[in-house]
Protein backbone atom coordinates (compact mmCIF):
# COMPACT_ATOMS: atom_id res chain seq x y z
CA MET A 1 -7.73 30.61 26.31
CA THR A 2 -6.16 27.39 25.07
CA LYS A 3 -9.55 25.66 25.07
CA PHE A 4 -11.12 28.54 23.17
CA TRP A 5 -8.31 28.51 20.59
CA LYS A 6 -8.77 24.77 20.08
CA TRP A 7 -12.53 25.24 19.68
CA TYR A 8 -11.91 28.04 17.20
CA LYS A 9 -9.45 26.01 15.10
CA GLU A 10 -11.41 22.75 15.10
CA PHE A 11 -14.97 24.05 14.80
CA ILE A 12 -15.53 27.75 14.18
CA LEU A 13 -12.82 28.40 11.59
CA PRO A 14 -13.60 25.43 9.29
CA ALA A 15 -17.32 26.16 9.56
CA GLY A 16 -16.56 29.74 8.54
CA LEU A 17 -14.61 28.54 5.50
CA LEU A 18 -17.61 26.55 4.28
CA SER A 19 -19.99 29.43 5.00
CA ALA A 20 -17.77 31.75 2.97
CA LEU A 21 -18.38 29.72 -0.19
CA ILE A 22 -22.07 29.13 0.42
CA ILE A 23 -22.91 32.80 1.04
CA GLY A 24 -22.95 33.84 -2.59
CA ALA A 25 -24.62 35.93 -5.24
CA GLY A 26 -27.83 33.91 -4.95
CA MET A 27 -28.68 35.79 -1.76
CA PHE A 28 -29.58 38.88 -3.80
CA ALA A 29 -32.37 36.95 -5.54
CA LEU A 30 -33.89 35.61 -2.32
CA PRO A 31 -35.84 38.70 -1.13
CA TYR A 32 -37.78 38.98 -4.40
CA VAL A 33 -38.71 35.28 -4.63
CA PHE A 34 -39.68 35.23 -0.94
CA VAL A 35 -42.07 38.14 -1.46
CA GLU A 36 -43.50 36.63 -4.64
CA ALA A 37 -44.02 33.13 -3.23
CA GLY A 38 -44.96 34.29 0.26
CA PHE A 39 -42.84 34.33 3.37
CA LEU A 40 -44.16 31.01 4.65
CA ALA A 41 -43.08 29.24 1.46
CA GLY A 42 -39.77 31.10 1.30
CA PHE A 43 -38.67 30.37 4.84
CA LEU A 44 -39.91 26.77 4.60
CA TYR A 45 -37.71 26.28 1.54
CA LEU A 46 -34.81 27.82 3.45
CA VAL A 47 -35.21 25.55 6.49
CA LEU A 48 -35.68 22.40 4.41
CA GLY A 49 -32.82 23.41 2.12
CA ALA A 50 -30.46 23.91 5.07
CA ALA A 51 -31.39 20.48 6.46
CA ILE A 52 -31.00 18.72 3.09
CA PHE A 53 -27.72 20.38 2.18
CA SER A 54 -26.29 19.75 5.66
CA THR A 55 -26.96 16.06 5.07
CA LEU A 56 -25.52 16.11 1.54
CA HIS A 57 -22.40 17.99 2.62
CA VAL A 58 -21.78 15.55 5.49
CA MET A 59 -22.26 12.60 3.12
CA TYR A 60 -19.76 14.07 0.67
CA ALA A 61 -17.28 14.66 3.50
CA GLU A 62 -17.66 10.99 4.45
CA VAL A 63 -16.94 9.97 0.84
CA ILE A 64 -13.74 12.03 0.95
CA GLU A 65 -12.69 10.50 4.29
CA SER A 66 -13.37 6.90 3.25
CA THR A 67 -11.71 7.06 -0.18
CA PRO A 68 -7.92 6.53 -0.22
CA GLY A 69 -5.79 8.90 -2.26
CA LYS A 70 -6.22 12.54 -3.19
CA HIS A 71 -9.17 13.23 -5.46
CA ARG A 72 -11.82 15.80 -6.20
CA PHE A 73 -15.41 15.43 -7.39
CA VAL A 74 -14.58 14.14 -10.89
CA GLY A 75 -12.21 11.57 -9.40
CA TYR A 76 -14.83 10.32 -6.94
CA ALA A 77 -17.37 10.11 -9.77
CA GLU A 78 -14.95 7.93 -11.74
CA ILE A 79 -14.17 5.68 -8.77
CA TYR A 80 -17.79 5.06 -7.80
CA LEU A 81 -19.67 5.58 -11.09
CA GLY A 82 -17.12 4.61 -13.72
CA PHE A 83 -16.20 6.18 -17.05
CA THR A 84 -19.70 7.57 -17.73
CA GLY A 85 -19.90 9.15 -14.28
CA LYS A 86 -16.52 10.78 -14.73
CA TRP A 87 -17.34 12.54 -17.99
CA ALA A 88 -20.85 13.44 -16.91
CA SER A 89 -19.30 15.18 -13.89
CA VAL A 90 -16.81 16.97 -16.14
CA VAL A 91 -19.68 18.53 -18.07
CA ALA A 92 -21.91 19.17 -15.06
CA VAL A 93 -19.26 20.27 -12.57
CA LEU A 94 -15.97 21.36 -14.11
CA LEU A 95 -17.41 23.22 -17.10
CA GLY A 96 -20.15 24.58 -14.85
CA MET A 97 -17.54 25.97 -12.46
CA ILE A 98 -15.64 27.73 -15.24
CA LEU A 99 -18.84 29.28 -16.58
CA THR A 100 -19.84 30.32 -13.05
CA LEU A 101 -16.47 32.02 -12.58
CA THR A 102 -17.15 33.95 -15.79
CA VAL A 103 -20.57 35.00 -14.49
CA TYR A 104 -18.95 36.24 -11.26
CA LEU A 105 -16.58 38.39 -13.32
CA ILE A 106 -19.61 39.93 -15.03
CA LEU A 107 -21.36 40.54 -11.70
CA SER A 108 -18.27 42.04 -10.06
CA ALA A 109 -18.51 45.25 -12.09
CA SER A 110 -21.99 46.00 -10.70
CA PHE A 111 -20.93 45.72 -7.06
CA ILE A 112 -17.63 47.55 -7.49
CA LYS A 113 -19.59 50.34 -9.18
CA LEU A 114 -21.39 50.89 -5.85
CA LEU A 115 -18.00 51.30 -4.14
CA ALA A 116 -16.16 53.23 -6.87
CA PRO A 117 -18.63 54.74 -9.38
CA ASP A 118 -15.89 56.30 -11.51
CA LEU A 119 -14.18 53.01 -12.35
CA SER A 120 -14.93 51.54 -15.76
CA SER A 121 -16.44 48.05 -15.98
CA THR A 122 -13.26 46.67 -17.54
CA VAL A 123 -11.02 48.02 -14.77
CA SER A 124 -13.46 46.77 -12.12
CA VAL A 125 -13.47 43.28 -13.60
CA LEU A 126 -9.67 43.20 -13.85
CA ILE A 127 -9.31 44.25 -10.20
CA PHE A 128 -11.76 41.57 -9.09
CA TRP A 129 -10.10 38.96 -11.30
CA ALA A 130 -6.65 39.78 -9.91
CA LEU A 131 -7.82 39.54 -6.29
CA GLY A 132 -9.70 36.30 -6.89
CA SER A 133 -6.88 34.72 -8.88
CA ALA A 134 -4.31 35.67 -6.23
CA VAL A 135 -5.99 33.41 -3.66
CA VAL A 136 -6.19 30.56 -6.18
CA LEU A 137 -2.44 30.88 -6.74
CA ILE A 138 -1.43 31.50 -3.12
CA SER A 139 -3.55 28.64 -1.68
CA LEU A 140 -6.42 28.98 0.76
CA ASN A 141 -4.65 27.18 3.60
CA ARG A 142 -2.31 30.13 4.04
CA LEU A 143 -5.25 32.53 4.26
CA ALA A 144 -7.70 30.56 6.44
CA ASN A 145 -7.84 33.16 9.23
CA PHE A 146 -8.17 36.00 6.74
CA GLU A 147 -11.00 34.17 4.98
CA PHE A 148 -12.76 33.70 8.30
CA ALA A 149 -12.43 37.44 8.93
CA VAL A 150 -14.09 38.10 5.56
CA THR A 151 -16.94 35.77 6.57
CA LEU A 152 -17.36 37.74 9.80
CA ALA A 153 -17.40 40.96 7.78
CA MET A 154 -20.21 39.62 5.58
CA VAL A 155 -22.24 38.56 8.61
CA GLY A 156 -21.58 41.95 10.21
CA ILE A 157 -22.77 43.87 7.14
CA VAL A 158 -25.98 41.82 7.00
CA ALA A 159 -26.52 42.46 10.72
CA ILE A 160 -26.12 46.23 10.19
CA LEU A 161 -28.60 46.17 7.29
CA PHE A 162 -31.02 44.16 9.43
CA ILE A 163 -30.83 46.67 12.29
CA LEU A 164 -31.24 49.64 9.93
CA GLY A 165 -34.21 47.97 8.25
CA PHE A 166 -35.83 47.10 11.56
CA THR A 167 -35.64 50.71 12.75
CA MET A 168 -37.53 51.97 9.67
CA ALA A 169 -39.93 49.06 9.08
CA ASP A 170 -43.55 49.95 8.35
CA LEU A 171 -45.41 47.13 10.08
CA GLY A 172 -48.68 48.14 8.45
CA ALA A 173 -47.21 47.81 4.97
CA LEU A 174 -45.49 44.55 5.87
CA SER A 175 -48.79 43.01 6.94
CA SER A 176 -50.04 43.36 3.37
CA LEU A 177 -47.28 41.14 1.97
CA PRO A 178 -48.39 37.60 1.05
CA VAL A 179 -47.85 34.80 3.53
CA LEU A 180 -48.35 32.12 0.87
CA ASN A 181 -48.87 32.51 -2.88
CA LEU A 182 -49.74 29.14 -4.39
CA ASN A 183 -49.33 30.50 -7.93
CA GLN A 184 -45.62 31.15 -7.26
CA LEU A 185 -45.02 28.26 -4.87
CA LEU A 186 -42.10 26.78 -6.83
CA LEU A 187 -40.37 30.10 -7.51
CA PRO A 188 -37.89 29.95 -4.58
CA TYR A 189 -36.86 26.35 -5.34
CA GLY A 190 -33.99 26.98 -7.76
CA VAL A 191 -32.73 30.10 -5.99
CA VAL A 192 -32.56 28.36 -2.61
CA LEU A 193 -30.79 25.35 -4.17
CA PHE A 194 -28.18 27.61 -5.74
CA SER A 195 -27.79 29.68 -2.58
CA LEU A 196 -27.12 26.79 -0.18
CA SER A 197 -24.85 24.55 -2.22
CA GLY A 198 -21.35 24.35 -0.77
CA ARG A 199 -19.99 21.03 -2.03
CA ALA A 200 -17.05 22.74 -3.76
CA ALA A 201 -15.63 23.82 -0.38
CA ILE A 202 -15.87 20.46 1.41
CA SER A 203 -12.53 19.26 0.02
CA SER A 204 -10.83 22.46 1.21
CA VAL A 205 -12.34 22.08 4.68
CA LYS A 206 -11.25 18.43 4.83
CA GLU A 207 -7.75 19.42 3.72
CA TYR A 208 -7.69 22.08 6.45
CA PHE A 209 -8.33 19.34 9.04
CA PHE A 210 -5.72 17.03 7.51
CA LYS A 211 -2.89 19.58 7.26
CA ARG A 212 -3.38 20.71 10.85
CA GLU A 213 -3.73 17.12 12.11
CA LEU A 214 -7.10 17.90 13.70
CA ASP A 215 -9.62 15.35 14.92
CA GLY A 216 -11.63 14.31 11.85
CA LYS A 217 -14.62 13.46 14.06
CA ARG A 218 -15.24 17.20 14.45
CA LEU A 219 -15.52 17.66 10.69
CA LYS A 220 -19.20 16.67 10.64
CA ARG A 221 -20.19 19.31 13.20
CA ALA A 222 -18.18 21.98 11.39
CA VAL A 223 -19.86 21.10 8.09
CA ILE A 224 -23.34 21.28 9.63
CA LEU A 225 -22.65 24.65 11.26
CA GLY A 226 -21.08 25.93 8.05
CA THR A 227 -24.25 25.04 6.14
CA ILE A 228 -26.80 26.32 8.65
CA THR A 229 -25.07 29.68 9.24
CA PRO A 230 -25.67 30.94 5.65
CA ALA A 231 -29.37 30.04 5.98
CA VAL A 232 -29.60 32.26 9.07
CA VAL A 233 -27.70 35.05 7.30
CA TYR A 234 -30.06 34.76 4.32
CA ALA A 235 -33.12 35.03 6.58
CA LEU A 236 -31.76 38.24 8.12
CA PHE A 237 -30.85 39.61 4.69
CA VAL A 238 -34.32 38.92 3.28
CA MET A 239 -35.99 40.77 6.15
CA ALA A 240 -33.50 43.65 5.89
CA ILE A 241 -34.15 44.15 2.16
CA VAL A 242 -37.93 43.92 2.61
CA TRP A 243 -37.80 46.55 5.36
CA LEU A 244 -35.48 48.80 3.35
CA SER A 245 -37.69 48.60 0.24
CA PRO A 246 -41.05 50.14 1.25
CA ARG A 247 -42.11 50.62 -2.38
CA GLY A 248 -41.52 46.99 -3.23
CA VAL A 249 -38.58 44.60 -3.43
CA SER A 250 -36.77 44.71 -6.76
CA VAL A 251 -35.56 41.60 -8.61
CA ASP A 252 -31.92 42.47 -7.85
CA ALA A 253 -32.71 43.41 -4.21
CA VAL A 254 -30.70 46.63 -4.59
CA SER A 255 -32.48 49.09 -6.89
CA GLY A 256 -35.65 49.07 -4.78
CA ILE A 257 -33.93 50.21 -1.58
CA GLN A 258 -35.20 53.55 -0.28
CA ILE A 259 -33.04 54.92 2.53
CA SER A 260 -31.13 58.14 3.06
CA PHE A 261 -28.78 56.72 5.68
CA PRO A 262 -25.23 57.45 4.45
CA GLY A 263 -23.09 54.55 3.33
CA VAL A 264 -25.85 51.94 2.94
CA MET A 265 -25.30 51.43 -0.78
CA GLY A 266 -21.57 51.22 -0.12
CA LEU A 267 -22.21 48.50 2.47
CA ILE A 268 -24.31 46.58 -0.04
CA GLY A 269 -21.58 47.00 -2.66
CA LEU A 270 -18.99 45.70 -0.18
CA LEU A 271 -21.25 42.79 0.76
CA GLY A 272 -21.78 41.93 -2.90
CA PHE A 273 -18.05 42.12 -3.57
CA PHE A 274 -17.25 39.83 -0.65
CA VAL A 275 -19.88 37.20 -1.48
CA ILE A 276 -18.80 36.80 -5.10
CA TRP A 277 -15.08 37.12 -4.28
CA THR A 278 -15.11 34.29 -1.72
CA SER A 279 -17.22 32.12 -4.03
CA TYR A 280 -14.89 32.93 -6.93
CA PHE A 281 -11.70 31.72 -5.34
CA PHE A 282 -13.28 28.67 -3.67
CA LEU A 283 -14.67 27.55 -7.03
CA GLY A 284 -11.36 28.40 -8.67
CA ILE A 285 -9.43 26.30 -6.16
CA GLU A 286 -11.81 23.36 -6.60
CA ALA A 287 -11.65 23.56 -10.42
CA ARG A 288 -7.85 23.79 -10.27
CA ASP A 289 -7.66 20.77 -7.98
CA ILE A 290 -9.92 18.74 -10.28
CA LEU A 291 -7.40 19.32 -13.06
CA ARG A 292 -4.48 18.60 -10.72
CA TYR A 293 -5.68 15.50 -8.87
CA ASP A 294 -8.23 13.95 -11.23
CA PHE A 295 -6.54 14.69 -14.57
CA LYS A 296 -2.92 14.83 -13.33
CA ILE A 297 -2.27 18.17 -15.04
CA PRO A 298 0.97 19.77 -13.73
CA PRO A 299 0.48 22.41 -10.99
CA LEU A 300 1.57 25.48 -12.95
CA ILE A 301 -0.51 24.59 -16.01
CA ASP A 302 -3.68 23.86 -14.01
CA SER A 303 -3.40 27.22 -12.24
CA ILE A 304 -2.86 29.10 -15.51
CA LEU A 305 -5.90 27.42 -17.09
CA ILE A 306 -8.24 28.21 -14.20
CA VAL A 307 -6.93 31.75 -13.76
CA PHE A 308 -7.15 32.77 -17.41
CA LEU A 309 -10.05 30.76 -18.89
CA PRO A 310 -12.80 32.77 -17.13
CA LEU A 311 -11.15 36.05 -18.14
CA ILE A 312 -10.89 34.93 -21.77
CA LEU A 313 -14.54 33.84 -21.76
CA TYR A 314 -15.52 37.17 -20.22
CA PHE A 315 -13.88 39.25 -22.94
CA TYR A 316 -15.17 37.02 -25.74
CA SER A 317 -18.71 36.77 -24.42
CA SER A 318 -21.56 39.21 -24.85
CA GLN A 319 -21.02 40.21 -21.18
CA ASN A 320 -24.78 39.90 -20.65
CA LEU A 321 -26.47 37.54 -18.22
CA ILE A 322 -29.45 35.67 -19.65
CA LEU A 323 -32.16 35.76 -17.02
């Protein structure tokens, strides 16, 4: 039991933390682009993407390990790329994170609607914002085991959807789906890139190892597993949605589902809530830490900025996603 607990703490749990961030809203766009581009192209992108991002995540972890002091992405950009690199990363990363948090607030209402149809969009967003902000304020390190449990729940929901889809799959109809569509060959590229990126969680995973005085040599394996696991989950999710959508996969992966099995839409709503919630607080923590460690903004102020800026942008935006 002691050996299993050590294996869990040094390998499985940190890998689960990284997977929790990577498994995000992009997964709901994957089934449609896979069908449009052909399954061969889609799964090839997924395999290559998992390999490339595993390498990139390990390289970033090595940068963190080899650089003295406590920094985040903007700080590393300044150290290795100078003044220009620092401010380019502020625009590309920090502002991008804040805008992404705002987008997640917008998306949250759609998924909560599947769980609680009577709630208004505003109430749904406020509930999601409060739950996401709470983790940013409490600190992820205190909730590592809980976060791993959420990751297991997401994997479990996808597994249930896969099994349900498999039991009702029309193999004849599936054989008519394209294997490779050269006209749409590049369609999955951006979606797969967005869906597999987990750089924002690497610092949290490294900090998990540091605070528990774990062997840093195991970090690389945990990062690789944490990157590959979402790719496997995505593959199962794509097949599940294709099987559950006999009349054709919709762009959002949800509205095309045709199944009378009770609770399926609730499961999808719960899955959607989990994937954007975990991504929300991981991005929030990373953005907060950029302000704290790279700009030396006091702890309370950095938390207030990251907690309230997305909410302010949400209420002052058009609340519409531009596709």
